Amino acid sequence: MSVRNSSVIKAWRDGDKAVNGRKSLHTDGIRLYSYRLIIGINVNGTCYLGDYTAGGEFRSMTTSTHIGRARRAVRSIDVYHPAIFSLLADDLAKAAEKKEG
């Protein structure tokens, strides 16, 4: 079922799956995607974002909007430059998957 962007971000924060109506923002409960780009990882309630905005490494206005909304919606959040985030993303996702299993 498709939902609003804010609901996708809340689902990500809570470890649930969700997709918006245009399928531009979605989550598997661990990873938050803007289109096919992983922009966030949730590890046991601690959320990490890649800064794919004008302040980091700009990708698109839509992706920048998704990141801005996620930043505002999540309390425990670390934001990393994309060069660092891309190095951490796989390890963070694996850590989150281990905690689930």
PDB file of N, CA and C in Angstrom:
ATOM      1  N   MET A   1       0.835  -1.181   0.000  1.00  0.00           N
ATOM      2  CA  MET A   1       0.000   0.000   0.000  1.00  0.00           C
ATOM      3  C   MET A   1       0.885   1.252   0.000  1.00  0.00           C
ATOM      4  N   SER A   2       0.578   2.207  -0.851  1.00  0.00           N
ATOM      5  CA  SER A   2       1.379   3.421  -0.905  1.00  0.00           C
ATOM      6  C   SER A   2       0.873   4.441   0.115  1.00  0.00           C
ATOM      7  N   VAL A   3       1.814   5.221   0.652  1.00  0.00           N
ATOM      8  CA  VAL A   3       1.507   6.203   1.690  1.00  0.00           C
ATOM      9  C   VAL A   3       2.229   7.514   1.385  1.00  0.00           C
ATOM     10  N   ARG A   4       2.007   8.499   2.220  1.00  0.00           N
ATOM     11  CA  ARG A   4       2.652   9.799   2.081  1.00  0.00           C
ATOM     12  C   ARG A   4       4.123   9.714   2.493  1.00  0.00           C
ATOM     13  N   ASN A   5       4.916  10.686   2.045  1.00  0.00           N
ATOM     14  CA  ASN A   5       6.340  10.706   2.401  1.00  0.00           C
ATOM     15  C   ASN A   5       6.561  10.678   3.908  1.00  0.00           C
ATOM     16  N   SER A   6       5.776  11.443   4.635  1.00  0.00           N
ATOM     17  CA  SER A   6       5.946  11.481   6.089  1.00  0.00           C
ATOM     18  C   SER A   6       5.697  10.111   6.712  1.00  0.00           C
ATOM     19  N   SER A   7       4.769   9.357   6.160  1.00  0.00           N
ATOM     20  CA  SER A   7       4.493   8.014   6.674  1.00  0.00           C
ATOM     21  C   SER A   7       5.612   7.033   6.334  1.00  0.00           C
ATOM     22  N   VAL A   8       6.237   7.211   5.179  1.00  0.00           N
ATOM     23  CA  VAL A   8       7.377   6.367   4.814  1.00  0.00           C
ATOM     24  C   VAL A   8       8.520   6.613   5.791  1.00  0.00           C
ATOM     25  N   ILE A   9       8.780   7.871   6.094  1.00  0.00           N
ATOM     26  CA  ILE A   9       9.870   8.211   7.017  1.00  0.00           C
ATOM     27  C   ILE A   9       9.567   7.695   8.418  1.00  0.00           C
ATOM     28  N   LYS A  10       8.333   7.811   8.874  1.00  0.00           N
ATOM     29  CA  LYS A  10       7.965   7.265  10.180  1.00  0.00           C
ATOM     30  C   LYS A  10       8.114   5.752  10.196  1.00  0.00           C
ATOM     31  N   ALA A  11       7.733   5.098   9.107  1.00  0.00           N
ATOM     32  CA  ALA A  11       7.886   3.638   9.019  1.00  0.00           C
ATOM     33  C   ALA A  11       9.363   3.265   9.112  1.00  0.00           C
ATOM     34  N   TRP A  12      10.218   3.994   8.402  1.00  0.00           N
ATOM     35  CA  TRP A  12      11.664   3.743   8.461  1.00  0.00           C
ATOM     36  C   TRP A  12      12.165   3.911   9.891  1.00  0.00           C
ATOM     37  N   ARG A  13      11.779   4.991  10.524  1.00  0.00           N
ATOM     38  CA  ARG A  13      12.190   5.262  11.902  1.00  0.00           C
ATOM     39  C   ARG A  13      11.766   4.134  12.838  1.00  0.00           C
ATOM     40  N   ASP A  14      10.584   3.560  12.564  1.00  0.00           N
ATOM     41  CA  ASP A  14      10.036   2.515  13.423  1.00  0.00           C
ATOM     42  C   ASP A  14      10.417   1.103  12.989  1.00  0.00           C
ATOM     43  N   GLY A  15      11.193   0.994  11.901  1.00  0.00           N
ATOM     44  CA  GLY A  15      11.641  -0.314  11.439  1.00  0.00           C
ATOM     45  C   GLY A  15      10.625  -1.075  10.606  1.00  0.00           C
ATOM     46  N   ASP A  16       9.675  -0.355   9.997  1.00  0.00           N
ATOM     47  CA  ASP A  16       8.640  -0.982   9.177  1.00  0.00           C
ATOM     48  C   ASP A  16       8.864  -0.680   7.694  1.00  0.00           C
ATOM     49  N   LYS A  17       8.201  -1.438   6.844  1.00  0.00           N
ATOM     50  CA  LYS A  17       8.286  -1.237   5.397  1.00  0.00           C
ATOM     51  C   LYS A  17       7.205  -0.260   4.941  1.00  0.00           C
ATOM     52  N   ALA A  18       7.523   0.538   3.897  1.00  0.00           N
ATOM     53  CA  ALA A  18       6.533   1.459   3.329  1.00  0.00           C
ATOM     54  C   ALA A  18       7.055   2.005   2.004  1.00  0.00           C
ATOM     55  N   VAL A  19       6.121   2.458   1.166  1.00  0.00           N
ATOM     56  CA  VAL A  19       6.463   3.079  -0.119  1.00  0.00           C
ATOM     57  C   VAL A  19       5.468   4.202  -0.385  1.00  0.00           C
ATOM     58  N   ASN A  20       5.963   5.316  -0.943  1.00  0.00           N
ATOM     59  CA  ASN A  20       5.051   6.415  -1.264  1.00  0.00           C
ATOM     60  C   ASN A  20       4.344   6.143  -2.595  1.00  0.00           C
ATOM     61  N   GLY A  21       3.389   6.970  -2.936  1.00  0.00           N
ATOM     62  CA  GLY A  21       2.570   6.783  -4.123  1.00  0.00           C
ATOM     63  C   GLY A  21       3.338   6.800  -5.430  1.00  0.00           C
ATOM     64  N   ARG A  22       4.379   7.598  -5.518  1.00  0.00           N
ATOM     65  CA  ARG A  22       5.180   7.689  -6.747  1.00  0.00           C
ATOM     66  C   ARG A  22       6.356   6.712  -6.755  1.00  0.00           C
ATOM     67  N   LYS A  23       6.517   5.999  -5.667  1.00  0.00           N
ATOM     68  CA  LYS A  23       7.609   5.033  -5.496  1.00  0.00           C
ATOM     69  C   LYS A  23       8.984   5.693  -5.545  1.00  0.00           C
ATOM     70  N   SER A  24       9.033   6.991  -5.233  1.00  0.00           N
ATOM     71  CA  SER A  24      10.310   7.702  -5.198  1.00  0.00           C
ATOM     72  C   SER A  24      10.956   7.633  -3.817  1.00  0.00           C
ATOM     73  N   LEU A  25      10.180   7.313  -2.798  1.00  0.00           N
ATOM     74  CA  LEU A  25      10.681   7.177  -1.428  1.00  0.00           C
ATOM     75  C   LEU A  25      10.135   5.876  -0.872  1.00  0.00           C
ATOM     76  N   HIS A  26      11.035   5.010  -0.413  1.00  0.00           N
ATOM     77  CA  HIS A  26      10.576   3.751   0.164  1.00  0.00           C
ATOM     78  C   HIS A  26      11.588   3.223   1.173  1.00  0.00           C
ATOM     79  N   THR A  27      11.124   2.296   1.997  1.00  0.00           N
ATOM     80  CA  THR A  27      11.973   1.705   3.016  1.00  0.00           C
ATOM     81  C   THR A  27      11.653   0.229   3.177  1.00  0.00           C
ATOM     82  N   ASP A  28      12.693  -0.531   3.492  1.00  0.00           N
ATOM     83  CA  ASP A  28      12.515  -1.936   3.848  1.00  0.00           C
ATOM     84  C   ASP A  28      12.524  -2.107   5.365  1.00  0.00           C
ATOM     85  N   GLY A  29      12.493  -0.994   6.079  1.00  0.00           N
ATOM     86  CA  GLY A  29      12.535  -0.995   7.537  1.00  0.00           C
ATOM     87  C   GLY A  29      13.924  -0.731   8.082  1.00  0.00           C
ATOM     88  N   ILE A  30      14.938  -0.949   7.260  1.00  0.00           N
ATOM     89  CA  ILE A  30      16.329  -0.670   7.638  1.00  0.00           C
ATOM     90  C   ILE A  30      16.873   0.452   6.760  1.00  0.00           C
ATOM     91  N   ARG A  31      16.769   0.275   5.464  1.00  0.00           N
ATOM     92  CA  ARG A  31      17.287   1.251   4.508  1.00  0.00           C
ATOM     93  C   ARG A  31      16.168   2.193   4.062  1.00  0.00           C
ATOM     94  N   LEU A  32      16.511   3.468   3.931  1.00  0.00           N
ATOM     95  CA  LEU A  32      15.600   4.464   3.377  1.00  0.00           C
ATOM     96  C   LEU A  32      16.143   4.843   2.008  1.00  0.00           C
ATOM     97  N   TYR A  33      15.311   4.706   0.990  1.00  0.00           N
ATOM     98  CA  TYR A  33      15.722   4.961  -0.386  1.00  0.00           C
ATOM     99  C   TYR A  33      15.020   6.192  -0.949  1.00  0.00           C
ATOM    100  N   SER A  34      15.781   6.999  -1.672  1.00  0.00           N
ATOM    101  CA  SER A  34      15.224   8.029  -2.529  1.00  0.00           C
ATOM    102  C   SER A  34      15.524   7.543  -3.941  1.00  0.00           C
ATOM    103  N   TYR A  35      14.488   7.161  -4.658  1.00  0.00           N
ATOM    104  CA  TYR A  35      14.651   6.437  -5.909  1.00  0.00           C
ATOM    105  C   TYR A  35      15.444   5.167  -5.593  1.00  0.00           C
ATOM    106  N   ARG A  36      16.569   4.933  -6.228  1.00  0.00           N
ATOM    107  CA  ARG A  36      17.369   3.724  -5.952  1.00  0.00           C
ATOM    108  C   ARG A  36      18.567   3.995  -5.046  1.00  0.00           C
ATOM    109  N   LEU A  37      18.696   5.236  -4.607  1.00  0.00           N
ATOM    110  CA  LEU A  37      19.822   5.644  -3.771  1.00  0.00           C
ATOM    111  C   LEU A  37      19.489   5.422  -2.294  1.00  0.00           C
ATOM    112  N   ILE A  38      20.351   4.712  -1.594  1.00  0.00           N
ATOM    113  CA  ILE A  38      20.176   4.565  -0.144  1.00  0.00           C
ATOM    114  C   ILE A  38      20.572   5.887   0.496  1.00  0.00           C
ATOM    115  N   ILE A  39      19.626   6.522   1.160  1.00  0.00           N
ATOM    116  CA  ILE A  39      19.915   7.799   1.810  1.00  0.00           C
ATOM    117  C   ILE A  39      19.942   7.668   3.328  1.00  0.00           C
ATOM    118  N   GLY A  40      19.425   6.566   3.848  1.00  0.00           N
ATOM    119  CA  GLY A  40      19.399   6.393   5.293  1.00  0.00           C
ATOM    120  C   GLY A  40      19.447   4.937   5.706  1.00  0.00           C
ATOM    121  N   ILE A  41      19.969   4.709   6.919  1.00  0.00           N
ATOM    122  CA  ILE A  41      20.030   3.388   7.526  1.00  0.00           C
ATOM    123  C   ILE A  41      19.546   3.531   8.965  1.00  0.00           C
ATOM    124  N   ASN A  42      18.703   2.589   9.392  1.00  0.00           N
ATOM    125  CA  ASN A  42      18.223   2.552  10.767  1.00  0.00           C
ATOM    126  C   ASN A  42      18.821   1.320  11.433  1.00  0.00           C
ATOM    127  N   VAL A  43      19.651   1.539  12.446  1.00  0.00           N
ATOM    128  CA  VAL A  43      20.247   0.443  13.205  1.00  0.00           C
ATOM    129  C   VAL A  43      19.698   0.497  14.619  1.00  0.00           C
ATOM    130  N   ASN A  44      18.721  -0.373  14.893  1.00  0.00           N
ATOM    131  CA  ASN A  44      18.163  -0.481  16.238  1.00  0.00           C
ATOM    132  C   ASN A  44      17.697   0.867  16.786  1.00  0.00           C
ATOM    133  N   GLY A  45      17.059   1.668  15.929  1.00  0.00           N
ATOM    134  CA  GLY A  45      16.513   2.949  16.366  1.00  0.00           C
ATOM    135  C   GLY A  45      17.448   4.133  16.200  1.00  0.00           C
ATOM    136  N   THR A  46      18.721   3.898  15.906  1.00  0.00           N
ATOM    137  CA  THR A  46      19.643   4.988  15.613  1.00  0.00           C
ATOM    138  C   THR A  46      19.686   5.145  14.104  1.00  0.00           C
ATOM    139  N   CYS A  47      19.355   6.333  13.633  1.00  0.00           N
ATOM    140  CA  CYS A  47      19.221   6.571  12.200  1.00  0.00           C
ATOM    141  C   CYS A  47      20.401   7.378  11.670  1.00  0.00           C
ATOM    142  N   TYR A  48      20.885   6.946  10.516  1.00  0.00           N
ATOM    143  CA  TYR A  48      22.018   7.567   9.842  1.00  0.00           C
ATOM    144  C   TYR A  48      21.568   8.016   8.463  1.00  0.00           C
ATOM    145  N   LEU A  49      21.971   9.218   8.057  1.00  0.00           N
ATOM    146  CA  LEU A  49      21.628   9.741   6.739  1.00  0.00           C
ATOM    147  C   LEU A  49      22.881  10.150   5.978  1.00  0.00           C
ATOM    148  N   GLY A  50      22.841   9.972   4.667  1.00  0.00           N
ATOM    149  CA  GLY A  50      23.855  10.538   3.792  1.00  0.00           C
ATOM    150  C   GLY A  50      23.395  11.932   3.387  1.00  0.00           C
ATOM    151  N   ASP A  51      24.303  12.869   3.358  1.00  0.00           N
ATOM    152  CA  ASP A  51      23.944  14.258   3.049  1.00  0.00           C
ATOM    153  C   ASP A  51      23.998  14.499   1.537  1.00  0.00           C
ATOM    154  N   TYR A  52      22.970  13.988   0.841  1.00  0.00           N
ATOM    155  CA  TYR A  52      22.865  14.177  -0.606  1.00  0.00           C
ATOM    156  C   TYR A  52      22.063  15.447  -0.900  1.00  0.00           C
ATOM    157  N   THR A  53      22.470  16.537  -0.224  1.00  0.00           N
ATOM    158  CA  THR A  53      21.839  17.841  -0.399  1.00  0.00           C
ATOM    159  C   THR A  53      22.912  18.814  -0.908  1.00  0.00           C
ATOM    160  N   ALA A  54      22.552  20.060  -1.064  1.00  0.00           N
ATOM    161  CA  ALA A  54      23.520  21.058  -1.525  1.00  0.00           C
ATOM    162  C   ALA A  54      24.700  21.186  -0.564  1.00  0.00           C
ATOM    163  N   GLY A  55      24.491  20.892   0.711  1.00  0.00           N
ATOM    164  CA  GLY A  55      25.567  20.972   1.697  1.00  0.00           C
ATOM    165  C   GLY A  55      26.538  19.816   1.639  1.00  0.00           C
ATOM    166  N   GLY A  56      26.153  18.740   0.970  1.00  0.00           N
ATOM    167  CA  GLY A  56      27.005  17.554   0.876  1.00  0.00           C
ATOM    168  C   GLY A  56      27.344  17.240  -0.565  1.00  0.00           C
ATOM    169  N   GLU A  57      26.576  16.341  -1.153  1.00  0.00           N
ATOM    170  CA  GLU A  57      26.760  15.954  -2.556  1.00  0.00           C
ATOM    171  C   GLU A  57      25.382  15.906  -3.204  1.00  0.00           C
ATOM    172  N   PHE A  58      24.959  16.997  -3.773  1.00  0.00           N
ATOM    173  CA  PHE A  58      23.611  17.162  -4.316  1.00  0.00           C
ATOM    174  C   PHE A  58      23.317  16.138  -5.406  1.00  0.00           C
ATOM    175  N   ARG A  59      22.131  15.492  -5.314  1.00  0.00           N
ATOM    176  CA  ARG A  59      21.685  14.536  -6.330  1.00  0.00           C
ATOM    177  C   ARG A  59      20.473  15.068  -7.085  1.00  0.00           C
ATOM    178  N   SER A  60      19.430  15.486  -6.358  1.00  0.00           N
ATOM    179  CA  SER A  60      18.238  16.040  -6.993  1.00  0.00           C
ATOM    180  C   SER A  60      17.448  16.796  -5.935  1.00  0.00           C
ATOM    181  N   MET A  61      16.542  17.635  -6.392  1.00  0.00           N
ATOM    182  CA  MET A  61      15.682  18.362  -5.447  1.00  0.00           C
ATOM    183  C   MET A  61      14.813  17.389  -4.666  1.00  0.00           C
ATOM    184  N   THR A  62      14.323  16.360  -5.331  1.00  0.00           N
ATOM    185  CA  THR A  62      13.470  15.385  -4.649  1.00  0.00           C
ATOM    186  C   THR A  62      14.247  14.672  -3.551  1.00  0.00           C
ATOM    187  N   THR A  63      15.444  14.203  -3.866  1.00  0.00           N
ATOM    188  CA  THR A  63      16.266  13.524  -2.859  1.00  0.00           C
ATOM    189  C   THR A  63      16.609  14.471  -1.721  1.00  0.00           C
ATOM    190  N   SER A  64      16.941  15.694  -2.034  1.00  0.00           N
ATOM    191  CA  SER A  64      17.239  16.686  -1.009  1.00  0.00           C
ATOM    192  C   SER A  64      16.026  16.897  -0.097  1.00  0.00           C
ATOM    193  N   THR A  65      14.837  16.944  -0.678  1.00  0.00           N
ATOM    194  CA  THR A  65      13.606  17.082   0.110  1.00  0.00           C
ATOM    195  C   THR A  65      13.399  15.864   1.005  1.00  0.00           C
ATOM    196  N   HIS A  66      13.620  14.670   0.472  1.00  0.00           N
ATOM    197  CA  HIS A  66      13.470  13.450   1.274  1.00  0.00           C
ATOM    198  C   HIS A  66      14.405  13.483   2.484  1.00  0.00           C
ATOM    199  N   ILE A  67      15.641  13.897   2.267  1.00  0.00           N
ATOM    200  CA  ILE A  67      16.618  13.957   3.366  1.00  0.00           C
ATOM    201  C   ILE A  67      16.217  15.011   4.393  1.00  0.00           C
ATOM    202  N   GLY A  68      15.776  16.162   3.934  1.00  0.00           N
ATOM    203  CA  GLY A  68      15.334  17.203   4.856  1.00  0.00           C
ATOM    204  C   GLY A  68      14.178  16.748   5.725  1.00  0.00           C
ATOM    205  N   ARG A  69      13.226  16.047   5.140  1.00  0.00           N
ATOM    206  CA  ARG A  69      12.090  15.539   5.915  1.00  0.00           C
ATOM    207  C   ARG A  69      12.539  14.489   6.921  1.00  0.00           C
ATOM    208  N   ALA A  70      13.449  13.619   6.508  1.00  0.00           N
ATOM    209  CA  ALA A  70      13.946  12.583   7.419  1.00  0.00           C
ATOM    210  C   ALA A  70      14.705  13.216   8.584  1.00  0.00           C
ATOM    211  N   ARG A  71      15.508  14.223   8.289  1.00  0.00           N
ATOM    212  CA  ARG A  71      16.255  14.923   9.353  1.00  0.00           C
ATOM    213  C   ARG A  71      15.315  15.485  10.407  1.00  0.00           C
ATOM    214  N   ARG A  72      14.237  16.081   9.958  1.00  0.00           N
ATOM    215  CA  ARG A  72      13.298  16.709  10.899  1.00  0.00           C
ATOM    216  C   ARG A  72      12.475  15.688  11.672  1.00  0.00           C
ATOM    217  N   ALA A  73      12.259  14.514  11.116  1.00  0.00           N
ATOM    218  CA  ALA A  73      11.351  13.537  11.723  1.00  0.00           C
ATOM    219  C   ALA A  73      12.023  12.589  12.713  1.00  0.00           C
ATOM    220  N   VAL A  74      13.337  12.520  12.678  1.00  0.00           N
ATOM    221  CA  VAL A  74      14.034  11.522  13.484  1.00  0.00           C
ATOM    222  C   VAL A  74      14.897  12.219  14.525  1.00  0.00           C
ATOM    223  N   ARG A  75      14.785  11.778  15.781  1.00  0.00           N
ATOM    224  CA  ARG A  75      15.533  12.422  16.860  1.00  0.00           C
ATOM    225  C   ARG A  75      16.987  11.962  16.920  1.00  0.00           C
ATOM    226  N   SER A  76      17.223  10.657  16.963  1.00  0.00           N
ATOM    227  CA  SER A  76      18.607  10.172  17.059  1.00  0.00           C
ATOM    228  C   SER A  76      19.128   9.944  15.648  1.00  0.00           C
ATOM    229  N   ILE A  77      19.836  10.928  15.145  1.00  0.00           N
ATOM    230  CA  ILE A  77      20.252  10.872  13.746  1.00  0.00           C
ATOM    231  C   ILE A  77      21.673  11.395  13.609  1.00  0.00           C
ATOM    232  N   ASP A  78      22.442  10.725  12.790  1.00  0.00           N
ATOM    233  CA  ASP A  78      23.770  11.188  12.416  1.00  0.00           C
ATOM    234  C   ASP A  78      23.755  11.408  10.913  1.00  0.00           C
ATOM    235  N   VAL A  79      24.289  12.535  10.464  1.00  0.00           N
ATOM    236  CA  VAL A  79      24.303  12.864   9.036  1.00  0.00           C
ATOM    237  C   VAL A  79      25.763  12.899   8.586  1.00  0.00           C
ATOM    238  N   TYR A  80      26.038  12.168   7.511  1.00  0.00           N
ATOM    239  CA  TYR A  80      27.399  12.026   7.021  1.00  0.00           C
ATOM    240  C   TYR A  80      27.510  12.520   5.583  1.00  0.00           C
ATOM    241  N   HIS A  81      28.700  13.021   5.255  1.00  0.00           N
ATOM    242  CA  HIS A  81      28.997  13.329   3.860  1.00  0.00           C
ATOM    243  C   HIS A  81      28.855  12.025   3.086  1.00  0.00           C
ATOM    244  N   PRO A  82      28.334  12.068   1.854  1.00  0.00           N
ATOM    245  CA  PRO A  82      28.116  10.848   1.082  1.00  0.00           C
ATOM    246  C   PRO A  82      29.355   9.961   0.916  1.00  0.00           C
ATOM    247  N   ALA A  83      30.539  10.547   0.859  1.00  0.00           N
ATOM    248  CA  ALA A  83      31.745   9.728   0.732  1.00  0.00           C
ATOM    249  C   ALA A  83      31.919   8.828   1.955  1.00  0.00           C
ATOM    250  N   ILE A  84      31.608   9.340   3.123  1.00  0.00           N
ATOM    251  CA  ILE A  84      31.690   8.560   4.363  1.00  0.00           C
ATOM    252  C   ILE A  84      30.488   7.634   4.478  1.00  0.00           C
ATOM    253  N   PHE A  85      29.301   8.166   4.195  1.00  0.00           N
ATOM    254  CA  PHE A  85      28.075   7.375   4.320  1.00  0.00           C
ATOM    255  C   PHE A  85      28.126   6.131   3.431  1.00  0.00           C
ATOM    256  N   SER A  86      28.604   6.269   2.211  1.00  0.00           N
ATOM    257  CA  SER A  86      28.644   5.115   1.313  1.00  0.00           C
ATOM    258  C   SER A  86      29.567   4.028   1.850  1.00  0.00           C
ATOM    259  N   LEU A  87      30.618   4.412   2.553  1.00  0.00           N
ATOM    260  CA  LEU A  87      31.510   3.430   3.168  1.00  0.00           C
ATOM    261  C   LEU A  87      30.858   2.734   4.358  1.00  0.00           C
ATOM    262  N   LEU A  88      30.030   3.462   5.088  1.00  0.00           N
ATOM    263  CA  LEU A  88      29.390   2.923   6.281  1.00  0.00           C
ATOM    264  C   LEU A  88      28.089   2.170   6.007  1.00  0.00           C
ATOM    265  N   ALA A  89      27.402   2.495   4.925  1.00  0.00           N
ATOM    266  CA  ALA A  89      26.035   2.016   4.697  1.00  0.00           C
ATOM    267  C   ALA A  89      25.912   0.497   4.720  1.00  0.00           C
ATOM    268  N   ASP A  90      26.788  -0.207   4.035  1.00  0.00           N
ATOM    269  CA  ASP A  90      26.697  -1.671   4.010  1.00  0.00           C
ATOM    270  C   ASP A  90      26.899  -2.271   5.392  1.00  0.00           C
ATOM    271  N   ASP A  91      27.912  -1.783   6.113  1.00  0.00           N
ATOM    272  CA  ASP A  91      28.175  -2.311   7.455  1.00  0.00           C
ATOM    273  C   ASP A  91      27.031  -1.998   8.417  1.00  0.00           C
ATOM    274  N   LEU A  92      26.473  -0.799   8.300  1.00  0.00           N
ATOM    275  CA  LEU A  92      25.346  -0.431   9.156  1.00  0.00           C
ATOM    276  C   LEU A  92      24.133  -1.303   8.866  1.00  0.00           C
ATOM    277  N   ALA A  93      23.847  -1.527   7.590  1.00  0.00           N
ATOM    278  CA  ALA A  93      22.697  -2.357   7.227  1.00  0.00           C
ATOM    279  C   ALA A  93      22.893  -3.787   7.708  1.00  0.00           C
ATOM    280  N   LYS A  94      24.099  -4.334   7.565  1.00  0.00           N
ATOM    281  CA  LYS A  94      24.371  -5.681   8.059  1.00  0.00           C
ATOM    282  C   LYS A  94      24.189  -5.771   9.567  1.00  0.00           C
ATOM    283  N   ALA A  95      24.641  -4.743  10.288  1.00  0.00           N
ATOM    284  CA  ALA A  95      24.459  -4.720  11.732  1.00  0.00           C
ATOM    285  C   ALA A  95      22.985  -4.701  12.102  1.00  0.00           C
ATOM    286  N   ALA A  96      22.196  -3.931  11.382  1.00  0.00           N
ATOM    287  CA  ALA A  96      20.761  -3.857  11.649  1.00  0.00           C
ATOM    288  C   ALA A  96      20.080  -5.190  11.337  1.00  0.00           C
ATOM    289  N   GLU A  97      20.480  -5.835  10.254  1.00  0.00           N
ATOM    290  CA  GLU A  97      19.886  -7.119   9.891  1.00  0.00           C
ATOM    291  C   GLU A  97      20.220  -8.194  10.916  1.00  0.00           C
ATOM    292  N   LYS A  98      21.408  -8.165  11.484  1.00  0.00           N
ATOM    293  CA  LYS A  98      21.792  -9.128  12.522  1.00  0.00           C
ATOM    294  C   LYS A  98      20.932  -8.942  13.770  1.00  0.00           C
ATOM    295  N   LYS A  99      20.649  -7.687  14.127  1.00  0.00           N
ATOM    296  CA  LYS A  99      19.835  -7.417  15.306  1.00  0.00           C
ATOM    297  C   LYS A  99      18.395  -7.858  15.106  1.00  0.00           C
ATOM    298  N   GLU A 100      17.933  -7.829  13.834  1.00  0.00           N
ATOM    299  CA  GLU A 100      16.579  -8.287  13.528  1.00  0.00           C
ATOM    300  C   GLU A 100      16.465  -9.800  13.629  1.00  0.00           C
ATOM    301  N   GLY A 101      17.485 -10.485  13.103  1.00  0.00           N
ATOM    302  CA  GLY A 101      17.470 -11.945  13.022  1.00  0.00           C
ATOM    303  C   GLY A 101      17.790 -12.569  14.301  1.00  0.00           C
TER     304      GLY A 101
END
